[in-house]
Amino acid sequence: MTLDTATLRVAFAVVALTLFILFYLVTYRRTRSAYSGWWCAAITLFLTGSSAYLLNGTAQQFWANPVGNVLTVLGAACVWAGARTLRAATPKLWQLAAGPAVVAVPSVLDHPATNNWAGGPFFLALMALLIGLSAVELWRLPPDYTWLRRPLAFSAGFVALYYGGRCLAFLADGPQGRIFLAFFGTVPTTLLHMMLLVVVSFSMAALSHEQVTRELRARASLDGLTGLLNRTAFLDLADDELRRLQRTGTPGVLILADLDHFKSINDRHGHAAGDAALQSFAAACTATVRSTDLVGRYGGEEFVLLLPGAEPGQAKDVARQISLSHRRRQPQDGFRMPTASYGIAAIDPGADNLAAVIAAADGALYKAKSQGRDRAVLAS
């Protein structure tokens, strides 16, 4: 029995439209996640691209075929973009447009009025590349992401390999060759897409909810102005880190930092200038410390840092580097960035009381202020 290509494409369009409506109503409208938005866009583009191919064999084929290629490749680019947003790395506009632009040129020049496979090798290679990149993004998600990330990565990888095989068979055998028609032709490809679209769409809902949950968790733990950990999140993580240091017998250092004469900046230049100073100091902190260190906004113009494995002398170097980085920033609106004072407390391997360590650093910070500010003082 031979399956009719046009009928299969109509069936695929119906399935895609149904899934789009369900996914939009059930997932996107509830989560408003970036991932579900990109996936809705991808389904829409696959749907319209497949519909354009229905005009093959008509007088409209000369424009419908290139349009179908461009829309389908753009749909694959949206799948990649959605996968990247799971790691908070949305592609730039030119990266999304590159694939469709590349496939558009050969599709238009390869006699699309009479050639159903105009631009075929470029189309197949770009589909393999973009879906393969989606598989890589899914595979690189953190281990604590939903368990569905691995099956989805394998599924995307399989589709990428399939398109790679289609491209090689197209170049070696031609679109009318026996191998291409049997394994990589329109009929088996449409059936594969229908099956995967159903399976993957419902898996995407889980990833969309996971993305929203993570974003909410991040907002709850980050300071909205500086992007650093807020006080509650820092204390929770620092308490866990202190227990780890105690368990492993590793020393560490806690630093309290306070911007000098901060109130005068707000009074003279306004709160926008004060916000700029806080953001500048926060950026200097994150640019100086290691990825294993903790940095948080402790409150107002006060910041707190936990440096596992560091010694007090190293902490003084870190404080000096932070101040240098902060001072190098250009003056904002006629004022210069304020200096900072630091209180440093060593964390002994046996320390188990975070509050006591913070109190010691606070006492050292008070001494730094009383000694003239713009300096770091070690707690006795």
Protein backbone atom coordinates (compact mmCIF):
# COMPACT_ATOMS: atom_id res chain seq x y z
CA MET A 1 0.00 0.00 0.00
CA THR A 2 1.34 3.43 -0.99
CA LEU A 3 0.63 6.37 1.28
CA ASP A 4 -0.39 9.58 -0.45
CA THR A 5 2.09 12.38 0.32
CA ALA A 6 -0.48 15.20 0.16
CA THR A 7 -2.83 13.35 2.51
CA LEU A 8 -0.01 12.75 4.97
CA ARG A 9 0.92 16.41 4.92
CA VAL A 10 -2.68 17.40 5.58
CA ALA A 11 -2.78 14.93 8.48
CA PHE A 12 0.49 16.38 9.82
CA ALA A 13 -0.96 19.89 9.60
CA VAL A 14 -4.06 18.82 11.52
CA VAL A 15 -1.95 17.15 14.23
CA ALA A 16 0.35 20.18 14.48
CA LEU A 17 -2.58 22.60 14.69
CA THR A 18 -4.25 20.50 17.40
CA LEU A 19 -1.05 20.29 19.43
CA PHE A 20 -0.44 24.00 19.03
CA ILE A 21 -3.89 24.84 20.40
CA LEU A 22 -3.51 22.41 23.30
CA PHE A 23 0.06 23.49 24.09
CA TYR A 24 -0.82 27.19 23.89
CA LEU A 25 -3.92 26.92 26.06
CA VAL A 26 -2.65 24.40 28.60
CA THR A 27 1.04 25.30 28.91
CA TYR A 28 1.99 28.67 27.48
CA ARG A 29 -0.96 30.66 28.87
CA ARG A 30 -0.34 29.18 32.31
CA THR A 31 3.45 29.39 32.47
CA ARG A 32 4.34 32.20 30.03
CA SER A 33 7.77 30.59 29.97
CA ALA A 34 10.23 31.52 27.24
CA TYR A 35 10.65 27.86 26.36
CA SER A 36 6.95 27.25 25.74
CA GLY A 37 6.78 30.48 23.71
CA TRP A 38 9.57 29.33 21.40
CA TRP A 39 7.97 25.91 21.09
CA CYS A 40 4.63 27.46 20.10
CA ALA A 41 6.48 29.49 17.47
CA ALA A 42 8.22 26.35 16.21
CA ILE A 43 4.96 24.40 15.85
CA THR A 44 3.39 27.35 14.01
CA LEU A 45 6.31 27.54 11.58
CA PHE A 46 6.37 23.78 10.99
CA LEU A 47 2.63 23.93 10.35
CA THR A 48 2.81 26.79 7.85
CA GLY A 49 5.92 25.38 6.21
CA SER A 50 4.28 21.99 5.70
CA SER A 51 1.16 23.72 4.35
CA ALA A 52 3.27 25.54 1.77
CA TYR A 53 4.50 22.21 0.39
CA LEU A 54 0.88 21.29 -0.39
CA LEU A 55 1.14 23.72 -3.31
CA ASN A 56 3.78 21.57 -5.02
CA GLY A 57 2.59 20.66 -8.48
CA THR A 58 0.56 23.85 -8.83
CA ALA A 59 1.32 27.19 -10.46
CA GLN A 60 2.21 28.53 -6.99
CA GLN A 61 5.08 26.10 -6.45
CA PHE A 62 7.69 28.65 -7.59
CA TRP A 63 7.22 30.67 -4.39
CA ALA A 64 5.62 28.08 -2.08
CA ASN A 65 8.58 25.69 -2.13
CA PRO A 66 11.22 28.26 -1.05
CA VAL A 67 8.81 29.66 1.55
CA GLY A 68 8.23 26.15 2.92
CA ASN A 69 11.99 25.60 3.24
CA VAL A 70 12.56 28.94 4.95
CA LEU A 71 9.70 28.52 7.43
CA THR A 72 10.66 24.95 8.32
CA VAL A 73 14.30 25.88 8.91
CA LEU A 74 13.15 28.87 10.98
CA GLY A 75 11.00 26.46 13.02
CA ALA A 76 14.09 24.35 13.72
CA ALA A 77 15.91 27.54 14.75
CA CYS A 78 13.09 28.25 17.22
CA VAL A 79 13.48 24.75 18.67
CA TRP A 80 17.17 25.55 19.23
CA ALA A 81 16.34 28.96 20.69
CA GLY A 82 13.87 27.38 23.11
CA ALA A 83 16.42 24.82 24.25
CA ARG A 84 18.96 27.60 24.86
CA THR A 85 16.54 29.55 27.07
CA LEU A 86 16.53 26.62 29.49
CA ARG A 87 20.09 27.68 30.30
CA ALA A 88 19.22 31.42 30.07
CA ALA A 89 21.07 31.96 26.81
CA THR A 90 18.68 33.19 24.12
CA PRO A 91 20.31 33.35 20.65
CA LYS A 92 20.78 36.70 18.96
CA LEU A 93 18.51 37.71 16.10
CA TRP A 94 21.18 37.19 13.46
CA GLN A 95 21.77 33.63 14.71
CA LEU A 96 18.09 32.82 14.22
CA ALA A 97 17.99 34.46 10.79
CA ALA A 98 21.20 32.90 9.47
CA GLY A 99 19.76 29.46 8.68
CA PRO A 100 16.62 30.70 6.89
CA ALA A 101 18.72 33.22 4.93
CA VAL A 102 21.19 30.54 3.84
CA VAL A 103 18.47 28.14 2.64
CA ALA A 104 16.49 30.89 0.91
CA VAL A 105 19.15 31.63 -1.73
CA PRO A 106 19.61 28.11 -3.20
CA SER A 107 15.87 27.42 -2.86
CA VAL A 108 15.10 30.42 -5.09
CA LEU A 109 17.92 29.72 -7.58
CA ASP A 110 17.34 25.95 -7.92
CA HIS A 111 14.33 26.20 -10.27
CA PRO A 112 11.62 25.95 -7.60
CA ALA A 113 8.81 26.16 -10.19
CA THR A 114 9.66 22.67 -11.46
CA ASN A 115 11.95 21.22 -8.80
CA ASN A 116 10.18 19.96 -5.66
CA TRP A 117 13.57 19.64 -3.95
CA ALA A 118 14.91 23.11 -4.72
CA GLY A 119 17.75 23.84 -2.28
CA GLY A 120 17.38 20.33 -0.89
CA PRO A 121 20.97 19.69 0.37
CA PHE A 122 21.09 23.07 2.15
CA PHE A 123 17.65 22.51 3.67
CA LEU A 124 18.53 19.04 4.98
CA ALA A 125 21.97 20.08 6.28
CA LEU A 126 20.55 23.07 8.17
CA MET A 127 17.78 21.00 9.71
CA ALA A 128 20.39 18.48 10.91
CA LEU A 129 22.58 21.27 12.30
CA LEU A 130 19.87 23.21 14.15
CA ILE A 131 18.16 20.18 15.65
CA GLY A 132 21.57 18.78 16.56
CA LEU A 133 22.36 22.02 18.40
CA SER A 134 19.05 21.65 20.25
CA ALA A 135 20.09 18.17 21.35
CA VAL A 136 23.38 19.55 22.67
CA GLU A 137 21.59 22.27 24.65
CA LEU A 138 19.21 19.74 26.20
CA TRP A 139 22.11 17.42 27.06
CA ARG A 140 23.99 20.25 28.79
CA LEU A 141 21.16 21.04 31.21
CA PRO A 142 22.09 20.66 34.90
CA PRO A 143 21.71 17.17 36.38
CA ASP A 144 18.93 18.34 38.72
CA TYR A 145 16.70 19.31 35.78
CA THR A 146 13.69 17.10 35.09
CA TRP A 147 14.57 13.55 34.02
CA LEU A 148 12.88 14.24 30.67
CA ARG A 149 15.87 16.26 29.51
CA ARG A 150 17.82 13.12 28.56
CA PRO A 151 15.04 11.39 26.54
CA LEU A 152 14.38 14.68 24.76
CA ALA A 153 18.08 15.12 24.03
CA PHE A 154 18.22 11.59 22.59
CA SER A 155 15.09 12.26 20.52
CA ALA A 156 16.50 15.49 19.12
CA GLY A 157 19.82 13.77 18.46
CA PHE A 158 18.05 10.98 16.57
CA VAL A 159 16.17 13.48 14.40
CA ALA A 160 19.42 15.34 13.70
CA LEU A 161 21.12 12.12 12.64
CA TYR A 162 18.11 11.25 10.50
CA TYR A 163 18.33 14.58 8.68
CA GLY A 164 22.06 14.09 8.32
CA GLY A 165 21.35 10.70 6.74
CA ARG A 166 18.76 12.30 4.47
CA CYS A 167 21.31 14.86 3.31
CA LEU A 168 23.96 12.21 2.57
CA ALA A 169 21.43 9.98 0.77
CA PHE A 170 20.20 12.98 -1.22
CA LEU A 171 23.72 13.83 -2.37
CA ALA A 172 24.67 10.21 -3.13
CA ASP A 173 21.41 8.79 -4.46
CA GLY A 174 19.30 11.78 -5.48
CA PRO A 175 15.72 12.53 -4.37
CA GLN A 176 14.36 9.82 -6.67
CA GLY A 177 16.88 7.17 -5.67
CA ARG A 178 15.73 3.87 -4.17
CA ILE A 179 17.51 4.34 -0.83
CA PHE A 180 16.32 7.91 -0.41
CA LEU A 181 12.68 7.10 -1.20
CA ALA A 182 12.65 3.99 0.99
CA PHE A 183 14.26 5.44 4.12
CA PHE A 184 14.43 9.22 3.82
CA GLY A 185 11.62 10.26 1.50
CA THR A 186 8.69 12.52 2.29
CA VAL A 187 6.40 9.71 3.46
CA PRO A 188 8.65 8.16 6.15
CA THR A 189 9.81 11.62 7.24
CA THR A 190 6.25 12.93 7.68
CA LEU A 191 5.28 9.85 9.68
CA LEU A 192 8.35 10.29 11.88
CA HIS A 193 7.55 13.97 12.44
CA MET A 194 3.96 13.21 13.41
CA MET A 195 5.03 10.64 15.97
CA LEU A 196 7.77 12.81 17.47
CA LEU A 197 5.62 15.93 17.53
CA VAL A 198 3.03 14.21 19.70
CA VAL A 199 5.58 12.68 22.08
CA VAL A 200 7.81 15.73 22.35
CA SER A 201 5.04 18.32 22.73
CA PHE A 202 3.78 16.82 25.97
CA SER A 203 7.33 16.43 27.24
CA MET A 204 7.87 20.11 26.52
CA ALA A 205 5.14 20.97 29.02
CA ALA A 206 7.22 19.46 31.82
CA LEU A 207 10.30 21.44 30.75
CA SER A 208 8.23 24.66 30.57
CA HIS A 209 6.96 24.18 34.13
CA GLU A 210 10.50 23.36 35.27
CA GLN A 211 11.79 26.56 33.67
CA VAL A 212 9.16 28.70 35.41
CA THR A 213 9.84 27.00 38.76
CA ARG A 214 13.56 27.69 38.45
CA GLU A 215 12.98 31.31 37.48
CA LEU A 216 10.71 31.83 40.49
CA ARG A 217 13.28 30.19 42.73
CA ALA A 218 16.02 32.42 41.33
CA ARG A 219 13.92 35.56 41.84
CA ALA A 220 13.27 34.54 45.43
CA SER A 221 16.99 34.12 46.12
CA LEU A 222 18.47 37.09 44.21
CA ASP A 223 18.57 40.77 45.01
CA GLY A 224 16.57 42.59 42.37
CA LEU A 225 18.94 45.57 42.05
CA THR A 226 22.40 43.98 42.08
CA GLY A 227 21.69 40.43 40.95
CA LEU A 228 23.62 39.07 43.94
CA LEU A 229 22.23 36.63 46.47
CA ASN A 230 19.81 38.29 48.83
CA ARG A 231 20.40 38.11 52.58
CA THR A 232 18.21 35.07 53.23
CA ALA A 233 19.64 33.05 50.35
CA PHE A 234 23.22 33.94 51.29
CA LEU A 235 22.74 32.92 54.91
CA ASP A 236 21.17 29.60 53.90
CA LEU A 237 23.98 28.78 51.47
CA ALA A 238 26.68 30.07 53.81
CA ASP A 239 25.33 27.90 56.62
CA ASP A 240 25.55 24.84 54.34
CA GLU A 241 29.07 25.83 53.29
CA LEU A 242 30.15 26.32 56.89
CA ARG A 243 29.04 22.77 57.70
CA ARG A 244 30.98 21.49 54.70
CA LEU A 245 34.12 23.35 55.82
CA GLN A 246 33.72 21.92 59.30
CA ARG A 247 33.25 18.41 57.94
CA THR A 248 36.34 18.59 55.71
CA GLY A 249 38.51 20.60 58.11
CA THR A 250 38.94 23.39 55.57
CA PRO A 251 39.47 27.03 56.60
CA GLY A 252 37.71 29.99 55.03
CA VAL A 253 37.12 33.71 55.31
CA LEU A 254 34.02 35.89 55.60
CA ILE A 255 34.12 39.53 54.47
CA LEU A 256 31.63 42.26 55.28
CA ALA A 257 31.91 45.30 53.00
CA ASP A 258 30.22 48.67 53.38
CA LEU A 259 30.23 51.60 50.94
CA ASP A 260 31.61 54.72 52.60
CA HIS A 261 29.46 57.87 52.87
CA PHE A 262 26.74 56.22 50.82
CA LYS A 263 23.96 58.35 52.26
CA SER A 264 25.60 61.50 50.95
CA ILE A 265 25.42 60.15 47.39
CA ASN A 266 21.67 59.63 47.69
CA ASP A 267 21.26 63.06 49.27
CA ARG A 268 23.35 64.96 46.72
CA HIS A 269 22.79 63.04 43.49
CA GLY A 270 19.57 61.11 44.03
CA HIS A 271 18.69 57.46 44.45
CA ALA A 272 19.50 56.63 40.81
CA ALA A 273 23.14 57.50 41.54
CA GLY A 274 23.04 55.40 44.70
CA ASP A 275 21.66 52.47 42.74
CA ALA A 276 24.45 52.87 40.17
CA ALA A 277 27.06 52.76 42.96
CA LEU A 278 25.55 49.58 44.41
CA GLN A 279 25.44 47.92 41.00
CA SER A 280 29.02 48.95 40.29
CA PHE A 281 30.30 47.47 43.55
CA ALA A 282 28.30 44.28 43.01
CA ALA A 283 29.81 43.92 39.53
CA ALA A 284 33.29 44.46 40.96
CA CYS A 285 32.67 41.70 43.51
CA THR A 286 31.45 39.13 40.98
CA ALA A 287 34.31 39.99 38.62
CA THR A 288 36.90 39.41 41.36
CA VAL A 289 35.79 36.35 43.31
CA ARG A 290 35.94 32.71 42.25
CA SER A 291 32.96 30.71 41.02
CA THR A 292 33.05 28.72 44.28
CA ASP A 293 32.75 31.85 46.46
CA LEU A 294 29.45 33.24 47.72
CA VAL A 295 28.56 36.92 47.30
CA GLY A 296 25.41 38.58 48.62
CA ARG A 297 23.84 41.91 49.39
CA TYR A 298 23.55 41.91 53.16
CA GLY A 299 21.35 44.96 53.37
CA GLY A 300 21.36 48.58 52.20
CA GLU A 301 24.90 49.42 51.12
CA GLU A 302 26.42 46.43 52.91
CA PHE A 303 27.72 43.31 51.13
CA VAL A 304 28.92 39.94 52.39
CA LEU A 305 31.34 37.43 50.85
CA LEU A 306 32.29 33.90 51.89
CA LEU A 307 35.58 32.58 50.50
CA PRO A 308 36.01 28.84 51.23
CA GLY A 309 39.60 27.68 51.52
CA ALA A 310 40.98 31.24 51.69
CA GLU A 311 43.28 32.74 54.32
CA PRO A 312 42.92 36.25 55.83
CA GLY A 313 45.84 37.54 53.75
CA GLN A 314 44.16 36.36 50.57
CA ALA A 315 40.93 38.02 51.69
CA LYS A 316 42.79 41.35 52.00
CA ASP A 317 44.00 40.93 48.41
CA VAL A 318 40.44 40.21 47.27
CA ALA A 319 39.15 43.32 49.04
CA ARG A 320 41.88 45.42 47.42
CA GLN A 321 41.07 44.04 43.95
CA ILE A 322 37.37 44.73 44.45
CA SER A 323 38.10 48.33 45.43
CA LEU A 324 40.43 48.84 42.44
CA SER A 325 37.85 47.41 40.04
CA HIS A 326 35.14 49.55 41.58
CA ARG A 327 37.21 52.75 41.38
CA ARG A 328 38.14 52.17 37.73
CA ARG A 329 34.53 52.56 36.73
CA GLN A 330 33.64 55.87 35.15
CA PRO A 331 31.97 58.54 37.32
CA GLN A 332 28.20 58.54 36.96
CA ASP A 333 26.31 61.83 36.58
CA GLY A 334 29.02 64.00 38.06
CA PHE A 335 29.95 61.89 41.09
CA ARG A 336 32.72 59.42 41.76
CA MET A 337 32.12 55.95 43.05
CA PRO A 338 32.39 55.75 46.83
CA THR A 339 35.19 53.90 48.56
CA ALA A 340 34.49 50.80 50.64
CA SER A 341 35.49 49.52 54.07
CA TYR A 342 35.94 45.83 54.85
CA GLY A 343 35.76 43.67 57.93
CA ILE A 344 37.42 40.26 57.58
CA ALA A 345 36.86 37.28 59.87
CA ALA A 346 38.72 33.99 59.55
CA ILE A 347 36.66 30.80 59.67
CA ASP A 348 38.47 28.12 61.63
CA PRO A 349 38.05 24.52 60.42
CA GLY A 350 36.01 23.75 63.53
CA ALA A 351 33.72 26.79 63.32
CA ASP A 352 30.02 25.92 63.39
CA ASN A 353 28.35 29.23 64.24
CA LEU A 354 27.77 31.50 61.25
CA ALA A 355 26.28 34.25 63.39
CA ALA A 356 29.47 34.44 65.46
CA VAL A 357 31.64 34.70 62.32
CA ILE A 358 29.44 37.49 60.94
CA ALA A 359 29.57 39.30 64.29
CA ALA A 360 33.38 39.12 64.25
CA ALA A 361 33.50 40.52 60.70
CA ASP A 362 31.04 43.26 61.71
CA GLY A 363 33.28 44.24 64.59
CA ALA A 364 36.26 44.45 62.25
CA LEU A 365 34.19 46.54 59.81
CA TYR A 366 33.36 48.96 62.62
CA LYS A 367 37.09 49.32 63.33
CA ALA A 368 37.77 50.00 59.65
CA LYS A 369 35.18 52.77 59.70
CA SER A 370 36.55 54.29 62.91
CA GLN A 371 40.12 54.22 61.55
CA GLY A 372 39.26 56.41 58.58
CA ARG A 373 37.37 54.14 56.15
CA ASP A 374 38.59 52.86 52.75
CA ARG A 375 40.53 49.98 54.31
CA ALA A 376 40.25 46.33 55.33
CA VAL A 377 40.64 45.24 58.96
CA LEU A 378 41.08 41.68 60.24
CA ALA A 379 39.00 40.57 63.21
CA SER A 380 41.14 39.81 66.23
